[in-house]
Amino acid sequence: MIEKLRLINKDIIDTTLDSNVKDRHLIINEIMEDDNCFFKMNIEYAYAILRDLGIPEEELEYIYFKLIDPKERND
């Protein structure tokens, strides 16, 4: 799952012309270099990152719990 999010983030970085958006996604990129990053942050911060990646509001909880589910670790 995190690999899919990394690809979404890379696409945003590669295609956006807005420097503020690009800067924010470069920070997200650094955070997500750590495979365990979602285990280390609080849920509000995780949801904010998922929103920035364009995850629909109704899917946030589902995606978040997949990211912290040890059984889902093998993308």
Protein backbone atom coordinates (compact mmCIF):
# COMPACT_ATOMS: atom_id res chain seq x y z
CA MET A 1 0.00 0.00 0.00
CA ILE A 2 2.75 2.47 0.86
CA GLU A 3 4.37 1.82 -2.52
CA LYS A 4 1.15 2.92 -4.24
CA LEU A 5 1.12 6.09 -2.16
CA ARG A 6 4.75 6.76 -3.03
CA LEU A 7 3.88 6.51 -6.72
CA ILE A 8 0.95 8.90 -6.29
CA ASN A 9 3.23 11.34 -4.48
CA LYS A 10 5.94 11.06 -7.14
CA ASP A 11 3.38 11.77 -9.84
CA ILE A 12 2.21 14.88 -7.98
CA ILE A 13 5.80 16.08 -7.59
CA ASP A 14 6.55 15.44 -11.26
CA THR A 15 3.42 17.11 -12.64
CA THR A 16 2.59 20.06 -10.37
CA LEU A 17 3.61 23.54 -11.32
CA ASP A 18 2.69 25.01 -7.93
CA SER A 19 5.89 25.39 -5.91
CA ASN A 20 4.01 25.26 -2.57
CA VAL A 21 2.37 21.96 -3.52
CA LYS A 22 5.68 20.59 -4.77
CA ASP A 23 7.46 21.61 -1.54
CA ARG A 24 4.77 19.95 0.59
CA HIS A 25 4.99 16.75 -1.44
CA LEU A 26 8.78 16.71 -1.25
CA ILE A 27 8.38 16.69 2.54
CA ILE A 28 5.81 13.90 2.27
CA ASN A 29 8.28 12.04 0.07
CA GLU A 30 10.95 12.26 2.77
CA ILE A 31 8.51 11.06 5.43
CA MET A 32 7.35 8.11 3.33
CA GLU A 33 10.90 6.91 2.66
CA ASP A 34 10.48 5.12 6.00
CA ASP A 35 8.32 2.02 5.48
CA ASN A 36 7.12 2.39 9.07
CA CYS A 37 6.26 6.08 8.90
CA PHE A 38 2.52 5.59 9.42
CA PHE A 39 3.22 3.58 12.59
CA LYS A 40 5.23 6.50 13.96
CA MET A 41 2.74 9.35 13.43
CA ASN A 42 -0.57 10.17 14.99
CA ILE A 43 -3.76 9.50 13.07
CA GLU A 44 -4.50 13.18 12.37
CA TYR A 45 -1.11 13.65 10.73
CA ALA A 46 -1.54 10.44 8.72
CA TYR A 47 -4.97 11.55 7.53
CA ALA A 48 -3.53 14.92 6.48
CA ILE A 49 -0.91 13.18 4.36
CA LEU A 50 -3.52 10.89 2.82
CA ARG A 51 -5.69 13.92 2.01
CA ASP A 52 -2.72 15.64 0.38
CA LEU A 53 -2.26 12.52 -1.73
CA GLY A 54 -5.84 12.83 -2.93
CA ILE A 55 -7.38 9.96 -0.99
CA PRO A 56 -11.15 10.59 -0.79
CA GLU A 57 -12.47 11.39 2.68
CA GLU A 58 -14.65 8.27 2.77
CA GLU A 59 -11.59 6.06 2.17
CA LEU A 60 -9.20 7.61 4.73
CA GLU A 61 -10.00 5.24 7.57
CA TYR A 62 -9.82 2.14 5.34
CA ILE A 63 -6.47 3.16 3.78
CA TYR A 64 -5.00 4.20 7.13
CA PHE A 65 -5.85 0.88 8.77
CA LYS A 66 -4.42 -1.01 5.80
CA LEU A 67 -1.19 0.96 6.23
CA ILE A 68 -0.86 0.02 9.89
CA ASP A 69 -2.03 -3.58 9.50
CA PRO A 70 1.00 -5.91 9.84
CA LYS A 71 -0.66 -8.41 7.50
CA GLU A 72 -0.71 -5.79 4.74
CA ARG A 73 3.02 -5.09 4.93
CA ASN A 74 3.77 -6.97 1.70
CA ASP A 75 2.59 -4.45 -0.89
